[in-house]
C-alpha atoms as a PDB file:
ATOM      1  CA  GLY A   1     -18.320  10.669   5.679  1.00  0.00           C
ATOM      2  CA  GLU A   2     -15.748  10.820   8.581  1.00  0.00           C
ATOM      3  CA  GLY A   3     -15.723   7.061   9.110  1.00  0.00           C
ATOM      4  CA  LEU A   4     -15.175   6.416   5.600  1.00  0.00           C
ATOM      5  CA  GLY A   5     -11.982   9.080   5.580  1.00  0.00           C
ATOM      6  CA  ASN A   6     -10.693   7.278   8.446  1.00  0.00           C
ATOM      7  CA  GLN A   7     -10.768   3.880   6.741  1.00  0.00           C
ATOM      8  CA  PHE A   8      -9.084   5.274   3.799  1.00  0.00           C
ATOM      9  CA  LEU A   9      -6.521   6.756   6.189  1.00  0.00           C
ATOM     10  CA  ALA A  10      -6.199   3.378   7.789  1.00  0.00           C
ATOM     11  CA  THR A  11      -5.678   1.421   4.485  1.00  0.00           C
ATOM     12  CA  ILE A  12      -3.422   3.707   3.466  1.00  0.00           C
ATOM     13  CA  ARG A  13      -1.304   3.799   6.351  1.00  0.00           C
ATOM     14  CA  GLU A  14      -0.981  -0.072   5.771  1.00  0.00           C
ATOM     15  CA  VAL A  15       0.457   0.004   2.622  1.00  0.00           C
ATOM     16  CA  ASP A  16       2.845   3.072   3.101  1.00  0.00           C
ATOM     17  CA  ALA A  17       1.664   4.678   0.230  1.00  0.00           C
ATOM     18  CA  VAL A  18       0.747   8.309  -0.812  1.00  0.00           C
ATOM     19  CA  ALA A  19      -2.872   8.360  -2.227  1.00  0.00           C
ATOM     20  CA  HIS A  20      -4.290  11.082  -4.098  1.00  0.00           C
ATOM     21  CA  VAL A  21      -7.829  11.406  -3.665  1.00  0.00           C
ATOM     22  CA  VAL A  22      -9.506  12.986  -6.668  1.00  0.00           C
ATOM     23  CA  ARG A  23     -13.116  14.130  -7.755  1.00  0.00           C
ATOM     24  CA  CYS A  24     -14.054  12.123 -10.757  1.00  0.00           C
ATOM     25  CA  PHE A  25     -17.673  12.980 -10.813  1.00  0.00           C
ATOM     26  CA  GLU A  26     -20.174  16.009 -11.711  1.00  0.00           C
ATOM     27  CA  ASP A  27     -22.740  16.853  -9.207  1.00  0.00           C
ATOM     28  CA  SER A  28     -24.387  20.594  -9.203  1.00  0.00           C
ATOM     29  CA  ASP A  29     -25.580  20.044  -5.359  1.00  0.00           C
ATOM     30  CA  ILE A  30     -21.318  19.581  -4.404  1.00  0.00           C
ATOM     31  CA  THR A  31     -19.312  22.731  -5.244  1.00  0.00           C
ATOM     32  CA  HIS A  32     -15.425  22.355  -6.242  1.00  0.00           C
ATOM     33  CA  VAL A  33     -13.471  24.762  -5.007  1.00  0.00           C
ATOM     34  CA  GLU A  34     -12.014  25.753  -8.276  1.00  0.00           C
ATOM     35  CA  GLY A  35     -15.543  25.447  -9.658  1.00  0.00           C
ATOM     36  CA  LYS A  36     -14.861  22.795 -11.990  1.00  0.00           C
ATOM     37  CA  ILE A  37     -13.935  19.157 -12.326  1.00  0.00           C
ATOM     38  CA  ALA A  38     -10.553  18.801 -13.521  1.00  0.00           C
ATOM     39  CA  PRO A  39      -8.481  15.477 -11.644  1.00  0.00           C
ATOM     40  CA  LEU A  40      -5.241  16.391 -13.158  1.00  0.00           C
ATOM     41  CA  ALA A  41      -5.210  19.861 -11.931  1.00  0.00           C
ATOM     42  CA  ASP A  42      -6.254  18.485  -8.727  1.00  0.00           C
ATOM     43  CA  ILE A  43      -3.577  16.137  -8.572  1.00  0.00           C
ATOM     44  CA  GLU A  44      -1.159  18.730  -9.526  1.00  0.00           C
ATOM     45  CA  THR A  45      -2.174  20.930  -6.607  1.00  0.00           C
ATOM     46  CA  ILE A  46      -1.898  18.237  -4.156  1.00  0.00           C
ATOM     47  CA  GLU A  47       1.632  17.185  -5.670  1.00  0.00           C
ATOM     48  CA  THR A  48       2.949  20.824  -5.332  1.00  0.00           C
ATOM     49  CA  GLU A  49       1.581  20.950  -1.840  1.00  0.00           C
ATOM     50  CA  LEU A  50       3.391  17.779  -0.804  1.00  0.00           C
ATOM     51  CA  MET A  51       6.542  18.857  -2.739  1.00  0.00           C
ATOM     52  CA  LEU A  52       6.586  22.219  -0.562  1.00  0.00           C
ATOM     53  CA  ALA A  53       6.013  20.095   2.618  1.00  0.00           C
ATOM     54  CA  ASP A  54       9.387  18.246   1.603  1.00  0.00           C
ATOM     55  CA  LEU A  55      11.207  21.591   0.369  1.00  0.00           C
ATOM     56  CA  ASP A  56      10.455  22.798   4.358  1.00  0.00           C
ATOM     57  CA  SER A  57      11.809  19.940   5.785  1.00  0.00           C
ATOM     58  CA  LEU A  58      15.081  19.064   4.017  1.00  0.00           C
ATOM     59  CA  GLU A  59      15.606  22.979   4.041  1.00  0.00           C
ATOM     60  CA  LYS A  60      15.617  22.815   8.027  1.00  0.00           C
ATOM     61  CA  ARG A  61      18.242  19.944   8.232  1.00  0.00           C
ATOM     62  CA  VAL A  62      20.499  21.486   5.979  1.00  0.00           C
ATOM     63  CA  ASP A  63      22.526  23.278   8.467  1.00  0.00           C
ATOM     64  CA  ASN A  64      22.754  20.578  11.197  1.00  0.00           C
ATOM     65  CA  LEU A  65      23.981  18.173   8.531  1.00  0.00           C
ATOM     66  CA  ALA A  66      26.596  20.574   7.121  1.00  0.00           C
ATOM     67  CA  LYS A  67      27.877  20.776  10.674  1.00  0.00           C
ATOM     68  CA  LYS A  68      28.176  17.340  11.308  1.00  0.00           C
ATOM     69  CA  ALA A  69      29.907  16.524   7.866  1.00  0.00           C
ATOM     70  CA  LYS A  70      32.458  19.374   8.623  1.00  0.00           C
ATOM     71  CA  GLY A  71      33.197  17.113  11.847  1.00  0.00           C
ATOM     72  CA  ASN A  72      34.087  14.187   9.655  1.00  0.00           C
ATOM     73  CA  ASP A  73      30.557  12.231  10.533  1.00  0.00           C
ATOM     74  CA  LYS A  74      30.550   9.924   7.998  1.00  0.00           C
ATOM     75  CA  ASP A  75      26.568   9.129   7.952  1.00  0.00           C
ATOM     76  CA  ALA A  76      25.780  13.033   8.103  1.00  0.00           C
ATOM     77  CA  LYS A  77      28.018  13.492   4.770  1.00  0.00           C
ATOM     78  CA  GLU A  78      26.037  10.700   2.954  1.00  0.00           C
ATOM     79  CA  GLN A  79      22.778  12.245   4.312  1.00  0.00           C
ATOM     80  CA  LEU A  80      23.573  15.684   3.136  1.00  0.00           C
ATOM     81  CA  ASP A  81      24.697  14.529  -0.333  1.00  0.00           C
ATOM     82  CA  LEU A  82      21.570  13.083  -0.599  1.00  0.00           C
ATOM     83  CA  VAL A  83      19.356  15.824   1.086  1.00  0.00           C
ATOM     84  CA  ASN A  84      20.802  17.900  -1.779  1.00  0.00           C
ATOM     85  CA  ARG A  85      20.459  15.703  -4.393  1.00  0.00           C
ATOM     86  CA  ALA A  86      16.785  15.738  -3.397  1.00  0.00           C
ATOM     87  CA  LEU A  87      16.511  19.559  -3.138  1.00  0.00           C
ATOM     88  CA  VAL A  88      17.453  20.280  -6.935  1.00  0.00           C
ATOM     89  CA  LEU A  89      14.886  17.994  -7.976  1.00  0.00           C
ATOM     90  CA  LEU A  90      12.300  19.745  -5.320  1.00  0.00           C
ATOM     91  CA  ARG A  91      13.184  23.087  -6.601  1.00  0.00           C
ATOM     92  CA  ASP A  92      12.859  22.083 -10.257  1.00  0.00           C
ATOM     93  CA  GLY A  93       9.223  20.743  -9.286  1.00  0.00           C
ATOM     94  CA  LYS A  94       9.932  17.308  -9.297  1.00  0.00           C
ATOM     95  CA  PRO A  95       8.966  14.576  -6.815  1.00  0.00           C
ATOM     96  CA  ALA A  96      11.716  13.269  -4.817  1.00  0.00           C
ATOM     97  CA  ARG A  97      11.073   9.655  -6.201  1.00  0.00           C
ATOM     98  CA  LEU A  98      12.619  10.617  -9.304  1.00  0.00           C
ATOM     99  CA  LEU A  99      15.876  10.795  -7.361  1.00  0.00           C
ATOM    100  CA  GLU A 100      18.684   8.186  -8.965  1.00  0.00           C
ATOM    101  CA  ARG A 101      20.104   6.341  -5.904  1.00  0.00           C
ATOM    102  CA  LYS A 102      22.267   3.436  -5.303  1.00  0.00           C
ATOM    103  CA  PRO A 103      21.057   0.472  -3.212  1.00  0.00           C
ATOM    104  CA  GLU A 104      23.336   0.987  -1.219  1.00  0.00           C
ATOM    105  CA  GLU A 105      21.602   4.967  -0.324  1.00  0.00           C
ATOM    106  CA  GLU A 106      18.232   3.240  -0.175  1.00  0.00           C
ATOM    107  CA  ARG A 107      18.007   2.923   3.600  1.00  0.00           C
ATOM    108  CA  ALA A 108      19.453   6.512   4.423  1.00  0.00           C
ATOM    109  CA  PHE A 109      16.606   7.565   1.760  1.00  0.00           C
ATOM    110  CA  ASP A 110      14.154   6.014   3.127  1.00  0.00           C
ATOM    111  CA  MET A 111      14.963   7.695   6.717  1.00  0.00           C
ATOM    112  CA  LEU A 112      14.705  11.055   5.469  1.00  0.00           C
ATOM    113  CA  GLY A 113      11.077  10.486   5.646  1.00  0.00           C
ATOM    114  CA  LEU A 114      10.279  12.533   2.608  1.00  0.00           C
ATOM    115  CA  LEU A 115       6.202  12.983   1.378  1.00  0.00           C
ATOM    116  CA  THR A 116       6.965  12.697  -2.339  1.00  0.00           C
ATOM    117  CA  SER A 117       9.551   9.526  -1.885  1.00  0.00           C
ATOM    118  CA  LYS A 118       6.689   7.122  -1.423  1.00  0.00           C
ATOM    119  CA  PRO A 119       4.966   5.513  -4.105  1.00  0.00           C
ATOM    120  CA  VAL A 120       1.765   6.896  -5.671  1.00  0.00           C
ATOM    121  CA  LEU A 121      -2.053   5.958  -5.138  1.00  0.00           C
ATOM    122  CA  TYR A 122      -4.390   7.420  -7.261  1.00  0.00           C
ATOM    123  CA  VAL A 123      -8.292   7.054  -5.804  1.00  0.00           C
ATOM    124  CA  CYS A 124     -10.761   8.256  -8.220  1.00  0.00           C
ATOM    125  CA  ASN A 125     -13.939   9.019  -6.352  1.00  0.00           C
ATOM    126  CA  VAL A 126     -16.751   8.715  -8.959  1.00  0.00           C
ATOM    127  CA  GLU A 127     -20.650   8.824  -9.149  1.00  0.00           C
ATOM    128  CA  GLU A 128     -22.653   5.517  -8.275  1.00  0.00           C
ATOM    129  CA  GLY A 129     -22.927   4.468 -11.934  1.00  0.00           C
ATOM    130  CA  SER A 130     -19.316   4.443 -12.730  1.00  0.00           C
ATOM    131  CA  ALA A 131     -17.988   2.425  -9.756  1.00  0.00           C
ATOM    132  CA  LYS A 132     -17.690  -0.544 -12.287  1.00  0.00           C
ATOM    133  CA  ASP A 133     -15.821   0.739 -15.198  1.00  0.00           C
ATOM    134  CA  GLY A 134     -15.092   4.361 -14.075  1.00  0.00           C
ATOM    135  CA  ASN A 135     -15.570   7.377 -16.687  1.00  0.00           C
ATOM    136  CA  ASN A 136     -13.607   9.524 -18.759  1.00  0.00           C
ATOM    137  CA  PHE A 137     -12.556  11.597 -15.730  1.00  0.00           C
ATOM    138  CA  SER A 138     -11.003   8.799 -14.334  1.00  0.00           C
ATOM    139  CA  LYS A 139      -9.606   7.189 -17.441  1.00  0.00           C
ATOM    140  CA  GLN A 140      -7.580  10.746 -17.270  1.00  0.00           C
ATOM    141  CA  VAL A 141      -6.139   9.455 -13.860  1.00  0.00           C
ATOM    142  CA  PHE A 142      -5.243   5.948 -15.035  1.00  0.00           C
ATOM    143  CA  GLU A 143      -3.601   7.416 -18.341  1.00  0.00           C
ATOM    144  CA  ARG A 144      -1.555   9.831 -15.262  1.00  0.00           C
ATOM    145  CA  ALA A 145      -0.891   6.615 -13.388  1.00  0.00           C
ATOM    146  CA  LYS A 146       0.475   4.529 -16.355  1.00  0.00           C
ATOM    147  CA  GLN A 147       2.915   7.182 -17.675  1.00  0.00           C
ATOM    148  CA  GLU A 148       4.268   7.512 -13.861  1.00  0.00           C
ATOM    149  CA  GLY A 149       4.508   4.165 -12.898  1.00  0.00           C
ATOM    150  CA  ALA A 150       1.849   4.450 -10.478  1.00  0.00           C
ATOM    151  CA  VAL A 151      -1.188   2.611  -9.563  1.00  0.00           C
ATOM    152  CA  ALA A 152      -5.159   3.897  -9.794  1.00  0.00           C
ATOM    153  CA  VAL A 153      -8.344   2.499  -8.326  1.00  0.00           C
ATOM    154  CA  VAL A 154     -11.913   3.659  -9.148  1.00  0.00           C
ATOM    155  CA  ILE A 155     -14.161   3.809  -6.139  1.00  0.00           C
ATOM    156  CA  SER A 156     -17.766   5.553  -5.278  1.00  0.00           C
ATOM    157  CA  ALA A 157     -17.494   7.226  -1.597  1.00  0.00           C
ATOM    158  CA  LYS A 158     -21.246   6.954  -1.850  1.00  0.00           C
ATOM    159  CA  ILE A 159     -21.391   3.729  -2.495  1.00  0.00           C
ATOM    160  CA  GLU A 160     -18.825   2.869   0.356  1.00  0.00           C
ATOM    161  CA  SER A 161     -20.801   5.201   2.778  1.00  0.00           C
ATOM    162  CA  GLU A 162     -24.060   3.245   2.167  1.00  0.00           C
ATOM    163  CA  ILE A 163     -22.157  -0.378   2.498  1.00  0.00           C
ATOM    164  CA  ALA A 164     -20.483   0.849   6.172  1.00  0.00           C
ATOM    165  CA  THR A 165     -24.030   0.537   7.326  1.00  0.00           C
ATOM    166  CA  LEU A 166     -25.186  -3.041   5.972  1.00  0.00           C
ATOM    167  CA  SER A 167     -24.089  -6.357   7.567  1.00  0.00           C
ATOM    168  CA  ARG A 168     -22.221  -8.992   5.312  1.00  0.00           C
ATOM    169  CA  GLU A 169     -25.042 -10.797   3.731  1.00  0.00           C
ATOM    170  CA  GLU A 170     -26.916  -7.033   2.988  1.00  0.00           C
ATOM    171  CA  ARG A 171     -23.475  -6.023   1.583  1.00  0.00           C
ATOM    172  CA  LYS A 172     -23.491  -8.765  -0.853  1.00  0.00           C
ATOM    173  CA  ASP A 173     -27.031  -8.084  -2.011  1.00  0.00           C
ATOM    174  CA  PHE A 174     -26.680  -4.527  -2.613  1.00  0.00           C
ATOM    175  CA  LEU A 175     -23.166  -5.125  -4.441  1.00  0.00           C
ATOM    176  CA  ASP A 176     -25.063  -7.825  -6.660  1.00  0.00           C
ATOM    177  CA  THR A 177     -27.845  -4.882  -8.020  1.00  0.00           C
ATOM    178  CA  LEU A 178     -25.054  -2.719  -8.817  1.00  0.00           C
ATOM    179  CA  GLY A 179     -23.094  -5.108 -10.649  1.00  0.00           C
ATOM    180  CA  LEU A 180     -20.108  -5.204  -8.692  1.00  0.00           C
ATOM    181  CA  GLU A 181     -18.049  -8.019  -7.149  1.00  0.00           C
ATOM    182  CA  GLU A 182     -16.668  -6.553  -4.495  1.00  0.00           C
ATOM    183  CA  ALA A 183     -16.312  -3.230  -2.321  1.00  0.00           C
ATOM    184  CA  GLY A 184     -14.587  -0.064  -3.454  1.00  0.00           C
ATOM    185  CA  LEU A 185     -12.406  -0.316  -0.083  1.00  0.00           C
ATOM    186  CA  ASP A 186     -11.172  -4.176  -1.005  1.00  0.00           C
ATOM    187  CA  ARG A 187      -9.817  -2.483  -4.310  1.00  0.00           C
ATOM    188  CA  LEU A 188      -8.295  -0.169  -2.792  1.00  0.00           C
ATOM    189  CA  ILE A 189      -6.158  -2.462  -0.539  1.00  0.00           C
ATOM    190  CA  ARG A 190      -5.643  -4.696  -3.448  1.00  0.00           C
ATOM    191  CA  ALA A 191      -4.363  -1.934  -5.243  1.00  0.00           C
ATOM    192  CA  GLY A 192      -2.201  -1.110  -2.740  1.00  0.00           C
ATOM    193  CA  TYR A 193      -0.888  -4.224  -2.029  1.00  0.00           C
ATOM    194  CA  GLN A 194       0.337  -4.474  -5.854  1.00  0.00           C
ATOM    195  CA  LEU A 195       1.691  -1.300  -5.893  1.00  0.00           C
ATOM    196  CA  LEU A 196       4.298  -2.197  -2.751  1.00  0.00           C
ATOM    197  CA  ASP A 197       4.346  -5.677  -4.187  1.00  0.00           C
ATOM    198  CA  LEU A 198       2.864  -7.084  -0.849  1.00  0.00           C
ATOM    199  CA  ILE A 199       1.256 -10.617  -0.681  1.00  0.00           C
ATOM    200  CA  THR A 200      -0.483 -12.291   2.419  1.00  0.00           C
ATOM    201  CA  TYR A 201       0.032 -15.404   4.351  1.00  0.00           C
ATOM    202  CA  PHE A 202      -2.409 -16.763   7.219  1.00  0.00           C
ATOM    203  CA  THR A 203      -2.047 -18.747  10.309  1.00  0.00           C
ATOM    204  CA  ALA A 204      -4.766 -20.646  11.526  1.00  0.00           C
ATOM    205  CA  GLY A 205      -5.674 -22.455  14.877  1.00  0.00           C
ATOM    206  CA  PRO A 206      -8.580 -23.924  16.902  1.00  0.00           C
ATOM    207  CA  LYS A 207      -9.484 -20.457  18.273  1.00  0.00           C
ATOM    208  CA  GLU A 208      -8.593 -18.064  15.269  1.00  0.00           C
ATOM    209  CA  ALA A 209      -7.181 -17.215  11.999  1.00  0.00           C
ATOM    210  CA  ARG A 210      -4.404 -14.509  11.267  1.00  0.00           C
ATOM    211  CA  ALA A 211      -3.482 -12.878   8.493  1.00  0.00           C
ATOM    212  CA  TRP A 212      -0.054 -11.511   7.905  1.00  0.00           C
ATOM    213  CA  THR A 213       1.219  -9.072   5.210  1.00  0.00           C
ATOM    214  CA  ILE A 214       5.176  -9.442   3.614  1.00  0.00           C
ATOM    215  CA  HIS A 215       6.689  -8.502   0.863  1.00  0.00           C
ATOM    216  CA  ARG A 216       6.628 -10.897  -2.255  1.00  0.00           C
ATOM    217  CA  GLY A 217       9.885 -12.950  -2.348  1.00  0.00           C
ATOM    218  CA  THR A 218      10.298 -13.156   1.489  1.00  0.00           C
ATOM    219  CA  LYS A 219      11.493 -16.602   2.479  1.00  0.00           C
ATOM    220  CA  ALA A 220       9.735 -18.515   5.227  1.00  0.00           C
ATOM    221  CA  PRO A 221      12.046 -17.381   8.250  1.00  0.00           C
ATOM    222  CA  GLY A 222      11.370 -13.858   7.309  1.00  0.00           C
ATOM    223  CA  ALA A 223       7.273 -14.434   7.234  1.00  0.00           C
ATOM    224  CA  ALA A 224       7.961 -16.000  10.919  1.00  0.00           C
ATOM    225  CA  GLY A 225       9.613 -12.905  12.317  1.00  0.00           C
ATOM    226  CA  VAL A 226       6.486 -10.689  11.238  1.00  0.00           C
ATOM    227  CA  ILE A 227       4.776 -12.524  14.064  1.00  0.00           C
ATOM    228  CA  HIS A 228       7.889 -12.585  16.169  1.00  0.00           C
ATOM    229  CA  THR A 229      11.412 -12.375  16.168  1.00  0.00           C
ATOM    230  CA  ASP A 230      12.117 -15.525  18.261  1.00  0.00           C
ATOM    231  CA  PHE A 231      10.090 -17.446  15.150  1.00  0.00           C
ATOM    232  CA  GLU A 232      13.094 -16.145  12.632  1.00  0.00           C
ATOM    233  CA  LYS A 233      15.870 -16.756  14.895  1.00  0.00           C
ATOM    234  CA  GLY A 234      14.841 -20.253  15.960  1.00  0.00           C
ATOM    235  CA  PHE A 235      13.262 -21.166  12.492  1.00  0.00           C
ATOM    236  CA  ILE A 236      13.324 -25.264  12.199  1.00  0.00           C
ATOM    237  CA  ARG A 237      10.192 -25.414   9.374  1.00  0.00           C
ATOM    238  CA  ALA A 238       7.041 -24.320   8.202  1.00  0.00           C
ATOM    239  CA  GLU A 239       4.245 -26.538   7.848  1.00  0.00           C
ATOM    240  CA  THR A 240       2.709 -25.035   4.728  1.00  0.00           C
ATOM    241  CA  ILE A 241      -0.657 -25.617   2.987  1.00  0.00           C
ATOM    242  CA  ALA A 242      -1.505 -23.892  -0.363  1.00  0.00           C
ATOM    243  CA  TYR A 243      -4.834 -21.572  -0.018  1.00  0.00           C
ATOM    244  CA  ALA A 244      -6.807 -23.052  -2.672  1.00  0.00           C
ATOM    245  CA  ASP A 245      -5.917 -27.064  -0.880  1.00  0.00           C
ATOM    246  CA  TYR A 246      -6.923 -25.423   2.520  1.00  0.00           C
ATOM    247  CA  VAL A 247     -10.141 -24.305   1.015  1.00  0.00           C
ATOM    248  CA  SER A 248     -11.019 -27.295  -1.230  1.00  0.00           C
ATOM    249  CA  LEU A 249     -10.089 -30.058   1.279  1.00  0.00           C
ATOM    250  CA  GLY A 250     -11.784 -28.262   4.527  1.00  0.00           C
ATOM    251  CA  GLY A 251      -8.827 -26.916   6.146  1.00  0.00           C
ATOM    252  CA  GLU A 252      -5.809 -28.172   7.974  1.00  0.00           C
ATOM    253  CA  ALA A 253      -7.204 -31.871   8.366  1.00  0.00           C
ATOM    254  CA  GLY A 254      -8.220 -32.701   4.918  1.00  0.00           C
ATOM    255  CA  ALA A 255      -5.246 -31.201   3.427  1.00  0.00           C
ATOM    256  CA  ARG A 256      -3.195 -33.299   5.618  1.00  0.00           C
ATOM    257  CA  ASP A 257      -5.160 -36.439   4.902  1.00  0.00           C
ATOM    258  CA  GLY A 258      -4.834 -35.407   0.992  1.00  0.00           C
ATOM    259  CA  GLY A 259      -1.162 -35.475   1.214  1.00  0.00           C
ATOM    260  CA  LYS A 260      -1.174 -31.315   0.707  1.00  0.00           C
ATOM    261  CA  LEU A 261       0.646 -30.318   3.903  1.00  0.00           C
ATOM    262  CA  ARG A 262       4.395 -29.634   2.806  1.00  0.00           C
ATOM    263  CA  LEU A 263       6.912 -29.555   5.570  1.00  0.00           C
ATOM    264  CA  GLU A 264       9.149 -26.020   3.901  1.00  0.00           C
ATOM    265  CA  GLY A 265      12.878 -25.249   5.081  1.00  0.00           C
ATOM    266  CA  LYS A 266      14.908 -21.874   5.469  1.00  0.00           C
ATOM    267  CA  GLU A 267      14.949 -21.433   1.472  1.00  0.00           C
ATOM    268  CA  TYR A 268      11.211 -21.280   0.787  1.00  0.00           C
ATOM    269  CA  VAL A 269       9.932 -18.411  -0.865  1.00  0.00           C
ATOM    270  CA  VAL A 270       6.337 -17.709   0.570  1.00  0.00           C
ATOM    271  CA  ALA A 271       3.556 -17.939  -2.052  1.00  0.00           C
ATOM    272  CA  ASP A 272       0.552 -15.547  -1.630  1.00  0.00           C
ATOM    273  CA  GLY A 273      -2.390 -17.353   0.275  1.00  0.00           C
ATOM    274  CA  ASP A 274       0.122 -19.809   1.791  1.00  0.00           C
ATOM    275  CA  VAL A 275      -1.670 -20.953   5.175  1.00  0.00           C
ATOM    276  CA  MET A 276       1.679 -21.716   7.853  1.00  0.00           C
ATOM    277  CA  HIS A 277       2.417 -23.461  11.212  1.00  0.00           C
ATOM    278  CA  PHE A 278       6.015 -22.811  12.208  1.00  0.00           C
ATOM    279  CA  ARG A 279       8.086 -25.082  13.918  1.00  0.00           C
ATOM    280  CA  PHE A 280      11.184 -23.193  15.931  1.00  0.00           C
ATOM    281  CA  ASN A 281      13.604 -23.733  18.828  1.00  0.00           C
ATOM    282  CA  ASN A 282      12.921 -21.450  21.810  1.00  0.00           C
END
């Protein structure tokens, strides 16, 4: 349904990846555009369309970049080199993500905004009975993902559309009857975080708790900067509680009394699930 589709799109935008949602179920009541169920062929079709879009995008930039490069524009020269190398790959039927590049070229490459440069997440839409373990179609997709260094996840759009209409309590009961521990959209988000090596830390106060997304390996000042740049610039320290301690000890007060609240400095690497309170200079 439209609502489920919007949730998919919002999730993919959040993790900044390209998701290939492919049909991995048979149903005589639902026709397939090609007349058969072939998820790998569907993936090839989608990938080809994305590569053609990138080709068109880059070819339109070449002349302008070439003119600037002739005028000794250093940035234009670097971009033109990247564009020409990417065009070679794309014209050979290969996605831009396979382009070999130096670390110092990464920022310029990202600025090209190519669809086939993004990490890939394969979403296997399966029938209700295969929502837990997948089926033979989804296994084909998972094998392809493994070969490419991509990530795949199984989800049943039918189940998700039903879950969307239920309350939190009803949702848990419904999932239990299907033998599922969590909703497919939760698995989808987790797969996206795995693909992009993202983690979450929390801030909690008397009025609300918030979750913040950062890359794994981010130090405390950088994590604070996600909330506001002033927090990073004036960072002093971070009062930190591990998630397990926060839950088991009943929150900040219990963790403090139990000696589990730590003061971390600028070199502290934030752990997944940390509950943090930042001290900073204005």
